[in-house]
């Protein structure tokens, strides 16, 4: 059975590729039909939840201070596509397992696909609306390589149009001792200290990006709880995404584990008040059977994760 929350957006994520030196056209799939009352027009602005903006600036700045700070990085954007604007409500980071250098970044597709599923359980309106990635130096505009990939890909988005943010670190440093606050020198730009984000839109068949006015609204980054467990999502992304495509009732939550935040996945079983629960922390997974108020620890002694789940389900089926 297919997971009910499978979305076209999450399947596109499996083909997402951002590289200046290679091309990899995503598989073309028909986007879910919008409600009959919705008629998409050309985008006039991108509206960012304030927590989304904070997430990008904070993680961009943190990334630059790491040993991989000279590499490109990025975020997939999830949000709500309105008639003539996009409201961005979630960010999915490229992750530590990305392939990146000083002139390209390729996202970890399995982690992105799983995270997209999880976030859409919390708000099913969300769909993929665009991508942010960083550039070295002062190139505040998408490159020719960006265009070659994006021009093929945007036709799969709702409204056949996407938004693209370009991050650079060529802004002005504030004087010592002065408070740092965001400025908007142009309608399509946001600057916080030396960090700048420049926003663009590109529609299917268009020959060039166009600068896109950006505004903030009070709102969350719905995917922010997942950033704290991104290492776990990258580790188990592929088998969990495969499991979701095979099982109909898999649900997720971020919980407190033994050493910090952890990812819990629950699979509802046929018996009433019964479920199989997986608790994942970094590279460790625990299996628990909940039945009639009892909790039973299980060690299937198998890997990968999805194989272990099916061995447990097979054993339960034989005993029933």
Protein backbone atom coordinates (compact mmCIF):
# COMPACT_ATOMS: atom_id res chain seq x y z
CA UNK A 1 0.00 0.00 0.00
CA UNK A 2 1.18 3.45 -0.80
CA UNK A 3 1.64 5.91 2.01
CA UNK A 4 -1.32 8.27 1.93
CA UNK A 5 0.88 11.28 2.44
CA UNK A 6 3.06 10.66 -0.60
CA UNK A 7 3.34 13.98 -2.37
CA UNK A 8 4.52 14.93 -5.78
CA UNK A 9 6.84 17.41 -4.13
CA UNK A 10 8.62 14.71 -2.13
CA UNK A 11 9.08 12.59 -5.23
CA UNK A 12 10.60 15.57 -7.05
CA UNK A 13 13.06 15.86 -4.19
CA UNK A 14 14.52 12.49 -5.14
CA UNK A 15 15.64 14.08 -8.41
CA UNK A 16 16.67 17.46 -7.09
CA UNK A 17 20.12 18.31 -8.40
CA UNK A 18 21.96 21.61 -8.14
CA UNK A 19 25.28 21.51 -9.99
CA UNK A 20 27.22 23.94 -12.18
CA UNK A 21 29.07 21.17 -14.01
CA UNK A 22 26.47 18.49 -14.67
CA UNK A 23 22.83 18.35 -15.70
CA UNK A 24 20.27 15.88 -14.43
CA UNK A 25 16.77 16.69 -15.51
CA UNK A 26 14.12 15.69 -12.96
CA UNK A 27 11.52 13.12 -13.93
CA UNK A 28 8.48 15.02 -15.15
CA UNK A 29 5.38 14.31 -13.11
CA UNK A 30 2.01 16.01 -13.22
CA UNK A 31 1.50 18.25 -10.22
CA UNK A 32 -1.62 17.67 -8.11
CA UNK A 33 -4.52 19.64 -9.52
CA UNK A 34 -5.26 22.82 -7.52
CA UNK A 35 -8.71 23.39 -6.07
CA UNK A 36 -11.21 24.37 -8.73
CA UNK A 37 -11.46 27.89 -7.30
CA UNK A 38 -7.68 28.46 -7.48
CA UNK A 39 -6.30 30.05 -10.63
CA UNK A 40 -2.59 30.74 -10.53
CA UNK A 41 -1.23 34.00 -11.87
CA UNK A 42 2.32 35.20 -12.37
CA UNK A 43 4.12 35.53 -9.02
CA UNK A 44 4.31 39.08 -7.68
CA UNK A 45 6.15 38.47 -4.38
CA UNK A 46 7.59 35.90 -2.01
CA UNK A 47 6.31 36.10 1.55
CA UNK A 48 8.65 34.57 4.17
CA UNK A 49 7.58 33.52 7.64
CA UNK A 50 9.93 35.42 9.95
CA UNK A 51 11.26 32.20 11.49
CA UNK A 52 12.11 30.93 8.00
CA UNK A 53 14.20 34.04 7.38
CA UNK A 54 15.92 33.67 10.76
CA UNK A 55 16.68 30.01 10.05
CA UNK A 56 18.36 30.72 6.73
CA UNK A 57 20.46 33.63 7.99
CA UNK A 58 21.45 31.79 11.19
CA UNK A 59 22.44 28.57 9.41
CA UNK A 60 24.20 30.45 6.61
CA UNK A 61 26.31 32.30 9.17
CA UNK A 62 26.99 29.11 11.15
CA UNK A 63 27.98 27.26 7.97
CA UNK A 64 30.56 29.93 7.09
CA UNK A 65 32.29 29.38 10.43
CA UNK A 66 32.73 25.63 9.88
CA UNK A 67 35.60 23.82 8.14
CA UNK A 68 33.31 23.46 5.10
CA UNK A 69 32.47 27.16 5.13
CA UNK A 70 33.93 27.78 1.66
CA UNK A 71 31.55 25.26 0.10
CA UNK A 72 28.13 26.07 -1.25
CA UNK A 73 25.12 25.12 0.85
CA UNK A 74 21.37 25.49 0.51
CA UNK A 75 17.81 24.84 1.61
CA UNK A 76 14.71 23.45 -0.05
CA UNK A 77 11.67 25.68 0.54
CA UNK A 78 8.20 24.36 1.32
CA UNK A 79 5.18 26.58 1.50
CA UNK A 80 1.75 27.49 0.22
CA UNK A 81 1.27 28.62 -3.37
CA UNK A 82 -1.36 31.33 -3.49
CA UNK A 83 -2.80 32.94 -6.60
CA UNK A 84 0.04 35.43 -7.18
CA UNK A 85 2.43 34.86 -4.28
CA UNK A 86 4.29 32.14 -2.42
CA UNK A 87 4.22 31.89 1.39
CA UNK A 88 7.32 30.03 2.60
CA UNK A 89 6.73 28.12 5.84
CA UNK A 90 9.49 25.49 6.04
CA UNK A 91 13.18 24.99 5.23
CA UNK A 92 14.94 21.67 4.60
CA UNK A 93 18.75 21.98 4.81
CA UNK A 94 21.14 20.46 2.29
CA UNK A 95 22.70 18.51 5.17
CA UNK A 96 26.14 17.19 6.02
CA UNK A 97 25.87 14.41 3.44
CA UNK A 98 25.43 16.86 0.57
CA UNK A 99 27.88 16.86 -2.30
CA UNK A 100 29.30 20.36 -2.43
CA UNK A 101 32.30 22.47 -3.43
CA UNK A 102 33.10 26.10 -4.08
CA UNK A 103 30.89 26.13 -7.19
CA UNK A 104 28.17 23.53 -6.74
CA UNK A 105 25.85 21.89 -4.24
CA UNK A 106 23.81 18.72 -4.60
CA UNK A 107 21.24 18.01 -1.91
CA UNK A 108 20.84 14.75 0.01
CA UNK A 109 17.70 13.64 -1.79
CA UNK A 110 16.66 10.83 0.59
CA UNK A 111 16.79 13.10 3.63
CA UNK A 112 14.87 15.82 1.79
CA UNK A 113 12.16 13.37 0.71
CA UNK A 114 11.69 11.98 4.22
CA UNK A 115 11.66 15.44 5.83
CA UNK A 116 9.09 16.60 3.29
CA UNK A 117 6.83 13.70 4.27
CA UNK A 118 7.17 14.47 7.96
CA UNK A 119 6.46 18.19 7.61
CA UNK A 120 3.44 17.51 5.41
CA UNK A 121 1.98 15.40 8.18
CA UNK A 122 1.96 18.58 10.25
CA UNK A 123 0.52 20.77 7.47
CA UNK A 124 -0.75 19.02 4.34
CA UNK A 125 -1.04 22.30 2.41
CA UNK A 126 2.73 22.44 2.03
CA UNK A 127 4.32 21.86 -1.33
CA UNK A 128 7.75 22.52 -2.74
CA UNK A 129 7.99 26.14 -3.88
CA UNK A 130 11.69 26.80 -4.48
CA UNK A 131 15.32 26.56 -3.40
CA UNK A 132 17.89 28.79 -1.70
CA UNK A 133 21.59 28.22 -2.31
CA UNK A 134 24.72 30.21 -1.65
CA UNK A 135 27.33 31.61 -4.04
CA UNK A 136 30.96 32.46 -3.40
CA UNK A 137 32.10 36.03 -3.89
CA UNK A 138 29.54 38.60 -4.96
CA UNK A 139 27.44 36.75 -7.56
CA UNK A 140 23.99 37.76 -6.30
CA UNK A 141 22.17 36.41 -9.36
CA UNK A 142 21.50 32.79 -10.40
CA UNK A 143 24.19 31.49 -12.72
CA UNK A 144 23.84 30.01 -16.20
CA UNK A 145 24.23 26.59 -14.61
CA UNK A 146 21.36 27.35 -12.25
CA UNK A 147 19.16 28.32 -15.18
CA UNK A 148 19.84 25.11 -17.10
CA UNK A 149 18.57 23.03 -14.19
CA UNK A 150 15.82 25.32 -12.91
CA UNK A 151 14.24 25.95 -16.32
CA UNK A 152 13.52 22.22 -16.70
CA UNK A 153 12.37 21.78 -13.13
CA UNK A 154 9.95 24.67 -12.48
CA UNK A 155 7.28 23.23 -14.77
CA UNK A 156 6.63 20.56 -12.13
CA UNK A 157 5.74 23.08 -9.41
CA UNK A 158 2.28 24.42 -8.73
CA UNK A 159 1.68 27.36 -10.99
CA UNK A 160 4.68 26.15 -13.04
CA UNK A 161 6.85 28.74 -11.33
CA UNK A 162 9.41 28.69 -8.51
CA UNK A 163 11.25 31.10 -6.22
CA UNK A 164 15.03 31.06 -5.84
CA UNK A 165 17.17 32.71 -3.21
CA UNK A 166 20.87 33.42 -3.73
CA UNK A 167 22.98 33.83 -0.60
CA UNK A 168 26.23 35.81 -0.62
CA UNK A 169 28.53 37.15 2.10
CA UNK A 170 29.54 40.39 0.44
CA UNK A 171 27.53 42.85 2.51
CA UNK A 172 28.87 45.52 4.83
CA UNK A 173 30.11 44.55 8.27
CA UNK A 174 28.48 46.67 11.01
CA UNK A 175 30.82 48.86 13.07
CA UNK A 176 32.05 47.20 16.29
CA UNK A 177 29.62 47.58 19.14
CA UNK A 178 26.65 48.40 16.91
CA UNK A 179 23.51 46.29 16.96
CA UNK A 180 23.06 44.06 13.91
CA UNK A 181 19.63 44.16 12.32
CA UNK A 182 18.31 43.25 8.90
CA UNK A 183 18.06 45.80 6.13
CA UNK A 184 16.36 45.69 2.75
CA UNK A 185 18.42 47.85 0.34
CA UNK A 186 16.27 46.69 -2.58
CA UNK A 187 12.81 45.15 -2.77
CA UNK A 188 14.24 41.74 -3.67
CA UNK A 189 17.13 41.78 -1.17
CA UNK A 190 17.61 41.09 2.54
CA UNK A 191 20.90 41.85 4.29
CA UNK A 192 21.99 40.99 7.82
CA UNK A 193 25.53 42.18 8.44
CA UNK A 194 27.71 40.71 5.66
CA UNK A 195 25.10 38.11 4.69
CA UNK A 196 22.74 38.88 1.82
CA UNK A 197 19.81 37.03 0.26
CA UNK A 198 18.62 38.02 -3.21
CA UNK A 199 15.29 36.61 -4.40
CA UNK A 200 14.17 35.69 -7.92
CA UNK A 201 11.36 33.87 -9.69
CA UNK A 202 11.42 31.75 -12.82
CA UNK A 203 8.46 30.35 -14.70
CA UNK A 204 8.21 27.59 -17.25
CA UNK A 205 9.31 28.82 -20.67
CA UNK A 206 10.83 32.06 -19.37
CA UNK A 207 14.28 32.94 -20.68
CA UNK A 208 15.54 34.75 -17.60
CA UNK A 209 14.95 35.07 -13.86
CA UNK A 210 13.19 38.18 -12.63
CA UNK A 211 13.86 39.89 -9.31
CA UNK A 212 11.11 39.03 -6.83
CA UNK A 213 10.02 41.42 -4.05
CA UNK A 214 10.34 39.76 -0.65
CA UNK A 215 8.39 40.55 2.51
CA UNK A 216 8.18 39.05 6.00
CA UNK A 217 5.14 37.90 7.91
CA UNK A 218 4.86 36.51 11.43
CA UNK A 219 5.01 32.75 11.16
CA UNK A 220 6.96 29.55 11.88
CA UNK A 221 9.57 27.47 10.18
CA UNK A 222 7.56 24.26 10.41
CA UNK A 223 10.59 22.13 9.64
CA UNK A 224 12.83 23.69 12.31
CA UNK A 225 12.36 20.79 14.80
CA UNK A 226 13.87 18.50 12.15
CA UNK A 227 17.07 20.55 11.86
CA UNK A 228 18.13 19.38 15.34
CA UNK A 229 17.93 15.72 14.22
CA UNK A 230 19.12 16.14 10.63
CA UNK A 231 21.99 13.70 11.14
CA UNK A 232 19.41 11.06 12.07
CA UNK A 233 17.22 11.94 9.08
CA UNK A 234 20.21 11.59 6.75
CA UNK A 235 21.19 8.25 8.29
CA UNK A 236 17.74 6.67 8.02
CA UNK A 237 16.22 8.73 5.21
CA UNK A 238 16.42 6.11 2.46
CA UNK A 239 14.98 3.07 4.32
CA UNK A 240 12.33 5.19 6.06
CA UNK A 241 11.21 6.80 2.81
CA UNK A 242 11.04 3.33 1.24
CA UNK A 243 9.01 2.08 4.20
CA UNK A 244 6.57 5.00 3.86
CA UNK A 245 5.99 4.13 0.20
CA UNK A 246 5.14 0.55 1.18
CA UNK A 247 3.10 1.06 4.34
CA UNK A 248 -0.02 3.19 4.63
CA UNK A 249 0.05 4.24 8.28
CA UNK A 250 3.49 5.48 9.24
CA UNK A 251 3.57 8.61 11.41
CA UNK A 252 6.47 10.62 12.80
CA UNK A 253 7.25 12.90 15.72
CA UNK A 254 10.29 14.54 17.26
CA UNK A 255 10.73 13.32 20.84
CA UNK A 256 13.25 13.46 23.66
CA UNK A 257 15.75 10.60 23.46
CA UNK A 258 18.47 9.42 25.82
CA UNK A 259 21.06 11.87 24.47
CA UNK A 260 18.90 14.66 23.05
CA UNK A 261 16.23 15.00 20.42
CA UNK A 262 15.27 11.86 18.51
CA UNK A 263 12.98 10.81 15.67
CA UNK A 264 10.13 8.41 16.45
CA UNK A 265 8.22 6.53 13.75
CA UNK A 266 5.05 4.60 14.54
CA UNK A 267 3.48 1.92 12.36
CA UNK A 268 -0.11 1.09 13.20
CA UNK A 269 -0.80 -2.65 13.37
CA UNK A 270 -3.98 -4.55 12.55
CA UNK A 271 -4.79 -5.33 16.17
CA UNK A 272 -6.58 -2.62 18.11
CA UNK A 273 -4.34 -0.45 20.30
CA UNK A 274 -1.22 -1.99 18.77
CA UNK A 275 1.70 -0.34 17.04
CA UNK A 276 5.36 -0.82 16.26
CA UNK A 277 7.48 2.15 17.32
CA UNK A 278 10.97 2.94 16.10
CA UNK A 279 13.13 5.35 18.09
CA UNK A 280 16.12 6.72 16.15
CA UNK A 281 19.05 8.72 17.52
CA UNK A 282 21.88 9.46 15.08
CA UNK A 283 22.92 5.96 13.90
CA UNK A 284 21.06 3.97 16.55
CA UNK A 285 17.53 2.56 16.31
CA UNK A 286 15.37 0.85 18.93
CA UNK A 287 12.24 -1.19 18.20
CA UNK A 288 9.29 -1.30 20.61
CA UNK A 289 5.98 -3.15 20.33
CA UNK A 290 3.01 -1.47 22.03
CA UNK A 291 0.12 -3.89 22.66
CA UNK A 292 -2.72 -3.80 25.21
CA UNK A 293 -0.87 -1.30 27.36
CA UNK A 294 2.36 -3.29 27.39
CA UNK A 295 5.66 -2.20 25.85
CA UNK A 296 7.94 -4.94 24.53
CA UNK A 297 11.53 -4.26 23.42
CA UNK A 298 12.50 -6.12 20.24
CA UNK A 299 15.93 -6.80 18.77
CA UNK A 300 15.47 -8.07 15.20
CA UNK A 301 19.26 -8.28 14.66
CA UNK A 302 18.86 -7.10 11.08
CA UNK A 303 19.71 -4.14 8.91
CA UNK A 304 18.75 -1.99 7.11
CA UNK A 305 15.88 -0.54 9.08
CA UNK A 306 13.07 -1.47 6.66
CA UNK A 307 14.24 -5.09 6.51
CA UNK A 308 14.19 -5.24 10.30
CA UNK A 309 10.63 -3.90 10.34
CA UNK A 310 9.42 -6.56 7.92
CA UNK A 311 11.10 -9.34 9.90
CA UNK A 312 9.24 -8.11 12.99
CA UNK A 313 5.94 -7.90 11.11
CA UNK A 314 6.45 -11.40 9.71
CA UNK A 315 7.10 -12.79 13.19
CA UNK A 316 4.00 -11.06 14.55
CA UNK A 317 1.92 -12.44 11.69
CA UNK A 318 3.14 -15.99 12.30
CA UNK A 319 2.27 -15.77 16.01
CA UNK A 320 -1.20 -14.37 15.39
